[in-house]
């Protein structure tokens, strides 16, 4: 049977998947957001993963109605997998997407999950939902697979087609089919995992490994700060050893590294194992935002600047550089704490959507080149626009006042870092 592809979830992961499959197969993209579907129909992508010209050249349907995919046979689920306020996995989007697919699932169809989950979700939860809703038998009437997403938002080098794709299936035939489908649309290799659970586990530990390593460096940064030692200089010296791992301190948020460890932690607790290292990495990384905001307040006090009403320019609101995504950004924690001290936070981010920032912070984004009379400059995110700022650019926003700069990402020019007339601190 000729393959047709339905992608459920059209965010920064789902849209590139759908776009690349649409080059070769009849493809439809489904999303619950009417606003998202409408913008894609108008050839606009607010995630900036696909250009307007690329969308215009794309022969693909977008819809909020799963019934429009009733005659499709290869389903890919790419919905978010967040955590709730108790840091417990929230599988609601995955379950809702699975229930939606069940409405149109037919004999011979295949469903592939790309959403990050703990091992067992695909077969132990999703398969049962599909069976109960359809009366079809898993592994006989319909087939499942898991292929972890590896898209890096804002990264134009490691794109969907250029990243090695891990795939898995519920049986040898489904594995062969799924591998063949992905191999037909990507340039990179396709790696066949031995089972769905192995593929699920491989994804979740990719981000746990990064989280733990960054947590270690962040903890070292806290120690070195107390010892009045420059962490960047320490890392530069240590980096001369051939096998030293090149991790940097910083804010760890987003919907991958800042979330995925809680998924495996949750499952391991069910098995009677309390993960020590995973939890420790999360605790350290979750504490960095408070450390940064308190450091900013201390520097204001040390420079005899009234904290109440102090103008603090916050450069960078997103969870990572060169992307517009505000979800689970630790900068929000910094701003919340600064607001508790009654400071006046001025928000600067050339990549954010003005409307989204206004909703989240009740403030409009300001342009950096219009900043004046700033008391403290807080640089959180290494956007390309901030990397290009000169000493003169940074100093003039203080309007003649002694510059106070908190440089979380250590991106300021060396002339800023070494000038003894400035107050400069980096994580």
Protein backbone atom coordinates (compact mmCIF):
# COMPACT_ATOMS: atom_id res chain seq x y z
CA UNK A 1 0.00 0.00 0.00
CA UNK A 2 1.27 3.48 -0.85
CA UNK A 3 2.39 5.28 2.29
CA UNK A 4 0.78 8.50 3.47
CA UNK A 5 2.00 10.37 6.52
CA UNK A 6 0.12 12.16 9.27
CA UNK A 7 2.16 14.15 11.82
CA UNK A 8 0.35 15.05 15.05
CA UNK A 9 1.89 18.06 16.78
CA UNK A 10 3.38 20.83 14.64
CA UNK A 11 5.87 22.48 16.99
CA UNK A 12 9.61 22.85 16.50
CA UNK A 13 9.88 19.04 16.19
CA UNK A 14 6.74 18.12 14.28
CA UNK A 15 6.87 20.73 11.54
CA UNK A 16 10.36 19.80 10.25
CA UNK A 17 9.32 16.13 10.35
CA UNK A 18 6.16 16.84 8.38
CA UNK A 19 7.96 19.15 5.96
CA UNK A 20 10.58 16.57 5.04
CA UNK A 21 8.11 13.69 4.69
CA UNK A 22 5.92 15.92 2.51
CA UNK A 23 8.73 16.11 -0.03
CA UNK A 24 8.16 12.46 -0.84
CA UNK A 25 4.78 11.36 0.56
CA UNK A 26 1.26 12.67 0.75
CA UNK A 27 1.38 14.34 4.17
CA UNK A 28 -0.96 16.10 6.57
CA UNK A 29 -0.07 17.96 9.75
CA UNK A 30 -2.49 18.00 12.70
CA UNK A 31 -2.33 20.41 15.63
CA UNK A 32 -4.88 21.33 18.31
CA UNK A 33 -3.97 25.02 18.00
CA UNK A 34 -6.15 26.83 15.48
CA UNK A 35 -3.71 29.72 15.55
CA UNK A 36 -0.78 27.44 14.70
CA UNK A 37 -2.63 25.76 11.83
CA UNK A 38 -3.76 29.10 10.44
CA UNK A 39 -0.24 30.56 10.46
CA UNK A 40 1.13 27.48 8.69
CA UNK A 41 -1.61 27.71 6.09
CA UNK A 42 -0.41 31.27 5.55
CA UNK A 43 3.17 29.99 5.13
CA UNK A 44 4.41 31.40 8.43
CA UNK A 45 6.34 29.48 11.09
CA UNK A 46 6.70 31.21 14.46
CA UNK A 47 9.29 28.61 15.58
CA UNK A 48 11.50 29.71 12.65
CA UNK A 49 12.45 26.14 11.80
CA UNK A 50 10.98 26.32 8.28
CA UNK A 51 11.12 29.43 6.09
CA UNK A 52 8.18 31.06 4.36
CA UNK A 53 9.56 30.13 0.93
CA UNK A 54 9.89 26.51 2.01
CA UNK A 55 6.31 26.44 3.26
CA UNK A 56 5.04 28.02 0.06
CA UNK A 57 6.75 25.29 -1.95
CA UNK A 58 5.28 22.60 0.29
CA UNK A 59 2.37 20.47 -0.92
CA UNK A 60 0.87 19.63 2.44
CA UNK A 61 -2.38 20.01 4.34
CA UNK A 62 -2.73 21.42 7.84
CA UNK A 63 -5.72 20.79 10.06
CA UNK A 64 -7.04 20.70 13.63
CA UNK A 65 -9.37 17.82 12.77
CA UNK A 66 -7.96 14.28 12.98
CA UNK A 67 -10.81 13.06 10.79
CA UNK A 68 -9.04 14.74 7.88
CA UNK A 69 -6.38 12.03 8.27
CA UNK A 70 -8.81 9.11 8.08
CA UNK A 71 -7.25 7.75 4.88
CA UNK A 72 -3.62 8.08 6.04
CA UNK A 73 -1.67 5.05 7.23
CA UNK A 74 1.63 6.17 8.82
CA UNK A 75 1.17 8.32 11.92
CA UNK A 76 3.95 10.19 13.73
CA UNK A 77 3.23 11.73 17.14
CA UNK A 78 5.45 14.68 18.08
CA UNK A 79 3.54 16.37 20.90
CA UNK A 80 5.21 17.87 24.01
CA UNK A 81 5.84 15.84 27.17
CA UNK A 82 5.95 18.41 29.99
CA UNK A 83 6.02 18.08 33.77
CA UNK A 84 3.44 19.47 36.19
CA UNK A 85 3.98 21.80 39.14
CA UNK A 86 5.11 18.81 41.24
CA UNK A 87 7.68 17.90 38.57
CA UNK A 88 5.78 14.76 37.72
CA UNK A 89 5.52 13.66 34.06
CA UNK A 90 2.41 14.97 32.38
CA UNK A 91 1.46 12.49 29.67
CA UNK A 92 -1.78 14.30 28.84
CA UNK A 93 -0.61 15.51 25.39
CA UNK A 94 0.65 12.04 24.41
CA UNK A 95 -2.51 10.35 25.66
CA UNK A 96 -4.74 12.91 23.91
CA UNK A 97 -2.82 12.47 20.64
CA UNK A 98 -3.10 8.68 20.98
CA UNK A 99 -6.85 8.91 21.55
CA UNK A 100 -7.14 11.15 18.50
CA UNK A 101 -5.24 8.66 16.30
CA UNK A 102 -7.50 5.88 17.58
CA UNK A 103 -10.43 7.59 15.85
CA UNK A 104 -8.87 6.98 12.43
CA UNK A 105 -6.62 3.94 13.02
CA UNK A 106 -7.16 1.06 10.60
CA UNK A 107 -5.79 -2.42 10.04
CA UNK A 108 -2.23 -2.28 8.76
CA UNK A 109 -1.54 1.24 10.06
CA UNK A 110 1.66 2.19 11.90
CA UNK A 111 2.02 4.71 14.72
CA UNK A 112 5.47 6.09 15.61
CA UNK A 113 6.09 8.17 18.74
CA UNK A 114 8.84 10.80 18.78
CA UNK A 115 7.86 12.49 22.06
CA UNK A 116 10.33 11.99 24.91
CA UNK A 117 8.97 9.53 27.49
CA UNK A 118 10.24 7.08 30.07
CA UNK A 119 10.71 3.47 28.90
CA UNK A 120 7.41 1.63 28.65
CA UNK A 121 5.04 4.45 27.75
CA UNK A 122 4.67 3.46 24.09
CA UNK A 123 3.83 -0.20 24.67
CA UNK A 124 2.39 -0.20 28.19
CA UNK A 125 0.19 2.89 27.93
CA UNK A 126 -0.29 3.99 24.32
CA UNK A 127 -0.75 0.52 22.82
CA UNK A 128 -3.46 -0.30 25.38
CA UNK A 129 -5.33 2.92 24.61
CA UNK A 130 -5.27 2.17 20.89
CA UNK A 131 -6.48 -1.39 21.48
CA UNK A 132 -9.28 -0.30 23.81
CA UNK A 133 -10.48 2.48 21.53
CA UNK A 134 -10.34 0.56 18.26
CA UNK A 135 -10.78 -3.13 19.09
CA UNK A 136 -7.69 -3.79 16.98
CA UNK A 137 -4.81 -5.95 18.22
CA UNK A 138 -1.40 -4.41 18.81
CA UNK A 139 1.30 -6.14 16.75
CA UNK A 140 -1.28 -7.94 14.62
CA UNK A 141 -3.74 -5.37 13.27
CA UNK A 142 -1.66 -2.23 13.84
CA UNK A 143 1.99 -1.59 14.61
CA UNK A 144 3.94 0.74 16.86
CA UNK A 145 7.39 2.23 16.82
CA UNK A 146 9.46 4.77 18.68
CA UNK A 147 11.97 7.15 17.11
CA UNK A 148 13.33 9.77 19.52
CA UNK A 149 13.38 13.35 18.29
CA UNK A 150 16.79 14.98 18.22
CA UNK A 151 16.02 18.36 16.70
CA UNK A 152 17.92 21.23 18.31
CA UNK A 153 15.82 24.44 18.16
CA UNK A 154 17.54 27.25 16.31
CA UNK A 155 20.36 24.98 15.09
CA UNK A 156 20.66 25.27 11.31
CA UNK A 157 23.48 22.74 11.13
CA UNK A 158 22.07 19.73 13.01
CA UNK A 159 18.72 19.60 11.26
CA UNK A 160 16.22 16.73 10.96
CA UNK A 161 17.73 15.28 7.81
CA UNK A 162 21.32 15.47 9.08
CA UNK A 163 20.97 13.81 12.49
CA UNK A 164 21.39 10.05 12.91
CA UNK A 165 17.86 8.70 13.41
CA UNK A 166 17.28 6.03 16.02
CA UNK A 167 14.26 3.87 15.16
CA UNK A 168 12.51 0.92 16.74
CA UNK A 169 9.47 -1.23 16.10
CA UNK A 170 7.23 -3.68 17.91
CA UNK A 171 8.32 -6.51 15.58
CA UNK A 172 10.89 -7.15 12.87
CA UNK A 173 8.51 -6.21 10.06
CA UNK A 174 7.48 -2.92 11.66
CA UNK A 175 11.12 -2.08 12.41
CA UNK A 176 12.00 -2.66 8.77
CA UNK A 177 9.11 -0.49 7.59
CA UNK A 178 9.82 2.37 10.02
CA UNK A 179 13.53 2.34 9.23
CA UNK A 180 12.78 2.41 5.53
CA UNK A 181 10.38 5.34 5.87
CA UNK A 182 12.86 7.50 7.78
CA UNK A 183 15.77 6.46 5.57
CA UNK A 184 13.83 7.67 2.54
CA UNK A 185 13.69 11.27 3.80
CA UNK A 186 16.92 11.86 5.74
CA UNK A 187 20.55 12.08 4.65
CA UNK A 188 22.03 10.74 7.89
CA UNK A 189 22.22 7.13 9.08
CA UNK A 190 19.32 5.21 10.54
CA UNK A 191 20.14 3.20 13.66
CA UNK A 192 17.86 0.27 14.45
CA UNK A 193 17.39 -0.13 18.21
CA UNK A 194 16.71 -3.66 19.45
CA UNK A 195 13.40 -2.70 21.08
CA UNK A 196 11.02 0.19 21.66
CA UNK A 197 12.05 0.43 25.32
CA UNK A 198 15.73 0.65 24.35
CA UNK A 199 14.93 3.53 21.97
CA UNK A 200 12.85 5.30 24.65
CA UNK A 201 15.66 4.92 27.17
CA UNK A 202 18.29 6.13 24.70
CA UNK A 203 16.47 9.40 24.24
CA UNK A 204 15.82 10.19 27.88
CA UNK A 205 19.44 9.57 28.94
CA UNK A 206 20.85 11.82 26.20
CA UNK A 207 19.49 14.84 28.04
CA UNK A 208 20.13 13.40 31.51
CA UNK A 209 23.80 13.05 30.65
CA UNK A 210 24.01 16.70 29.63
CA UNK A 211 22.00 17.82 32.65
CA UNK A 212 24.25 15.98 35.12
CA UNK A 213 27.45 17.24 33.51
CA UNK A 214 26.24 20.84 33.41
CA UNK A 215 25.07 20.43 37.01
CA UNK A 216 28.61 19.46 38.02
CA UNK A 217 30.08 22.52 36.30
CA UNK A 218 27.43 24.76 37.85
CA UNK A 219 28.26 23.41 41.29
CA UNK A 220 31.95 24.05 40.66
CA UNK A 221 31.07 27.60 39.56
CA UNK A 222 29.29 28.19 42.87
CA UNK A 223 32.33 26.94 44.77
CA UNK A 224 34.81 28.97 42.74
CA UNK A 225 32.69 32.09 43.14
CA UNK A 226 33.04 31.79 46.93
CA UNK A 227 36.80 31.37 46.45
CA UNK A 228 36.99 34.39 44.15
CA UNK A 229 38.28 32.22 41.29
CA UNK A 230 37.15 32.79 37.70
CA UNK A 231 35.37 29.63 36.56
CA UNK A 232 35.95 30.32 32.85
CA UNK A 233 39.68 30.58 33.45
CA UNK A 234 39.63 27.30 35.37
CA UNK A 235 37.77 25.54 32.55
CA UNK A 236 40.15 26.99 29.97
CA UNK A 237 43.12 25.57 31.87
CA UNK A 238 41.49 22.18 32.44
CA UNK A 239 40.41 22.05 28.81
CA UNK A 240 44.01 21.67 27.70
CA UNK A 241 43.78 18.00 28.72
CA UNK A 242 42.71 15.88 25.73
CA UNK A 243 39.84 14.07 27.48
CA UNK A 244 38.39 16.92 29.54
CA UNK A 245 34.66 17.34 28.78
CA UNK A 246 33.83 20.81 27.48
CA UNK A 247 30.74 21.76 29.49
CA UNK A 248 29.99 25.34 30.53
CA UNK A 249 28.02 26.72 33.49
CA UNK A 250 24.68 28.39 32.85
CA UNK A 251 20.91 28.32 33.15
CA UNK A 252 19.43 24.93 32.27
CA UNK A 253 15.81 25.20 31.22
CA UNK A 254 13.77 24.39 28.16
CA UNK A 255 11.52 21.43 27.51
CA UNK A 256 14.27 18.81 27.10
CA UNK A 257 17.26 18.99 29.45
CA UNK A 258 15.25 20.70 32.17
CA UNK A 259 12.37 18.22 31.93
CA UNK A 260 13.49 14.78 30.72
CA UNK A 261 15.41 13.79 33.89
CA UNK A 262 12.16 13.92 35.84
CA UNK A 263 10.65 11.31 33.51
CA UNK A 264 13.26 8.67 34.29
CA UNK A 265 13.36 9.71 37.93
CA UNK A 266 9.60 9.20 38.17
CA UNK A 267 9.77 5.72 36.65
CA UNK A 268 12.76 4.66 38.73
CA UNK A 269 10.95 5.61 41.94
CA UNK A 270 8.10 3.33 40.90
CA UNK A 271 10.69 0.54 40.71
CA UNK A 272 11.99 1.29 44.19
CA UNK A 273 15.18 3.07 43.09
CA UNK A 274 15.78 6.66 44.22
CA UNK A 275 18.14 8.19 41.61
CA UNK A 276 20.87 10.07 43.45
CA UNK A 277 22.97 11.60 40.68
CA UNK A 278 20.05 12.48 38.39
CA UNK A 279 18.22 14.27 41.21
CA UNK A 280 21.38 16.03 42.38
CA UNK A 281 22.01 17.44 38.90
CA UNK A 282 18.47 18.76 38.75
CA UNK A 283 18.67 20.37 42.18
CA UNK A 284 21.88 22.20 41.33
CA UNK A 285 20.66 23.40 37.94
CA UNK A 286 17.33 24.53 39.34
CA UNK A 287 19.18 26.64 41.93
CA UNK A 288 21.29 28.67 39.48
CA UNK A 289 18.57 31.19 38.64
CA UNK A 290 18.28 32.15 42.30
CA UNK A 291 22.05 32.43 42.59
CA UNK A 292 22.20 34.79 39.59
CA UNK A 293 19.38 37.04 40.76
CA UNK A 294 20.81 37.29 44.27
CA UNK A 295 24.23 38.10 42.85
CA UNK A 296 22.71 40.94 40.85
CA UNK A 297 21.05 42.37 43.97
CA UNK A 298 24.30 42.12 45.96
CA UNK A 299 26.24 43.96 43.25
CA UNK A 300 23.69 46.79 43.28
CA UNK A 301 24.01 47.10 47.05
CA UNK A 302 27.82 46.97 46.94
CA UNK A 303 27.78 49.83 44.43
CA UNK A 304 25.40 51.93 46.56
CA UNK A 305 22.56 51.68 44.07
CA UNK A 306 19.06 51.65 45.52
CA UNK A 307 17.64 48.22 44.79
CA UNK A 308 14.05 49.42 44.81
CA UNK A 309 13.36 50.86 41.39
CA UNK A 310 16.80 49.96 40.02
CA UNK A 311 16.75 49.68 36.22
CA UNK A 312 17.91 46.18 35.33
CA UNK A 313 18.15 45.37 31.62
CA UNK A 314 17.54 41.65 31.14
CA UNK A 315 19.17 40.51 27.90
CA UNK A 316 17.74 37.20 26.72
CA UNK A 317 14.45 35.62 27.78
CA UNK A 318 14.43 32.33 25.87
CA UNK A 319 15.71 29.03 27.22
CA UNK A 320 18.58 28.95 24.70
CA UNK A 321 20.34 31.09 22.15
CA UNK A 322 18.95 32.07 18.74
CA UNK A 323 15.48 30.61 19.17
CA UNK A 324 12.13 32.24 20.11
CA UNK A 325 11.01 29.59 22.62
CA UNK A 326 10.12 30.90 26.10
CA UNK A 327 8.90 27.59 27.49
CA UNK A 328 10.45 26.58 30.81
CA UNK A 329 13.13 29.27 30.54
CA UNK A 330 14.98 29.78 33.82
CA UNK A 331 15.19 33.49 33.01
CA UNK A 332 11.58 33.65 34.18
CA UNK A 333 12.75 32.56 37.65
CA UNK A 334 15.38 35.31 37.66
CA UNK A 335 12.87 37.99 36.68
CA UNK A 336 10.37 36.76 39.28
CA UNK A 337 12.93 37.10 42.06
CA UNK A 338 14.16 40.49 40.87
CA UNK A 339 10.56 41.70 40.89
CA UNK A 340 10.26 40.62 44.52
CA UNK A 341 12.97 43.21 45.29
CA UNK A 342 10.87 45.85 43.48
CA UNK A 343 13.45 46.41 40.76
CA UNK A 344 12.43 47.67 37.33
CA UNK A 345 13.24 44.89 34.89
CA UNK A 346 13.58 45.95 31.25
CA UNK A 347 13.23 43.03 28.85
CA UNK A 348 15.38 42.71 25.73
CA UNK A 349 15.25 39.77 23.32
CA UNK A 350 15.37 40.10 19.51
CA UNK A 351 14.12 36.55 19.00
CA UNK A 352 10.98 36.55 21.15
CA UNK A 353 7.43 37.12 20.01
CA UNK A 354 6.23 40.45 21.40
CA UNK A 355 2.74 39.15 22.11
CA UNK A 356 3.99 36.11 24.03
CA UNK A 357 6.28 38.24 26.18
CA UNK A 358 3.47 40.69 26.89
CA UNK A 359 1.22 37.86 28.04
CA UNK A 360 3.89 36.24 30.23
CA UNK A 361 5.47 39.34 31.78
CA UNK A 362 2.93 42.11 31.18
CA UNK A 363 5.78 44.09 29.60
CA UNK A 364 6.85 44.89 26.07
CA UNK A 365 10.22 43.90 24.63
CA UNK A 366 12.63 46.82 24.35
CA UNK A 367 15.33 47.39 21.75
CA UNK A 368 18.87 47.25 23.09
CA UNK A 369 20.09 50.29 21.15
CA UNK A 370 17.41 52.43 22.84
CA UNK A 371 18.38 51.49 26.41
CA UNK A 372 19.55 54.35 28.63
CA UNK A 373 19.98 55.06 32.35
CA UNK A 374 20.51 51.37 33.16
CA UNK A 375 21.81 50.46 36.64
CA UNK A 376 22.67 46.82 35.92
CA UNK A 377 23.00 44.80 32.73
CA UNK A 378 22.07 41.13 33.08
CA UNK A 379 23.05 38.97 30.08
CA UNK A 380 21.39 35.54 30.27
CA UNK A 381 21.37 34.15 26.74
CA UNK A 382 24.11 34.12 24.10
CA UNK A 383 22.01 35.35 21.18
CA UNK A 384 24.10 36.17 18.13
CA UNK A 385 23.04 39.81 18.45
CA UNK A 386 24.50 39.99 21.96
CA UNK A 387 27.75 38.34 20.89
CA UNK A 388 28.35 41.24 18.52
CA UNK A 389 28.01 43.95 21.17
CA UNK A 390 31.17 45.99 21.69
CA UNK A 391 32.44 47.57 24.89
CA UNK A 392 31.09 50.92 23.70
CA UNK A 393 27.66 49.38 22.97
CA UNK A 394 27.46 47.89 26.46
CA UNK A 395 28.76 50.89 28.40
CA UNK A 396 26.61 53.57 26.76
CA UNK A 397 23.37 52.10 28.18
CA UNK A 398 24.52 53.20 31.64
CA UNK A 399 24.40 56.88 30.59
CA UNK A 400 27.61 57.75 32.36
CA UNK A 401 26.98 55.73 35.53
CA UNK A 402 29.56 53.13 36.59
CA UNK A 403 28.73 49.96 34.62
CA UNK A 404 27.54 46.89 36.56
CA UNK A 405 27.35 43.79 34.36
CA UNK A 406 26.24 40.26 35.22
CA UNK A 407 27.33 38.07 32.31
CA UNK A 408 25.86 34.60 32.87
CA UNK A 409 27.17 33.21 29.57
CA UNK A 410 30.60 34.89 29.75
CA UNK A 411 30.21 36.53 26.32
CA UNK A 412 31.33 40.11 27.01
CA UNK A 413 34.43 41.49 25.27
CA UNK A 414 37.68 41.07 27.22
CA UNK A 415 37.93 44.84 27.51
CA UNK A 416 34.80 44.73 29.68
CA UNK A 417 36.04 41.85 31.80
CA UNK A 418 39.42 43.40 32.56
CA UNK A 419 38.45 47.04 33.08
CA UNK A 420 38.82 47.73 36.80
CA UNK A 421 36.48 50.72 36.56
CA UNK A 422 33.60 48.35 35.80
CA UNK A 423 31.82 45.95 38.12
CA UNK A 424 31.76 42.68 36.18
CA UNK A 425 30.69 39.20 37.25
CA UNK A 426 30.31 35.99 35.28
CA UNK A 427 29.00 32.62 36.34
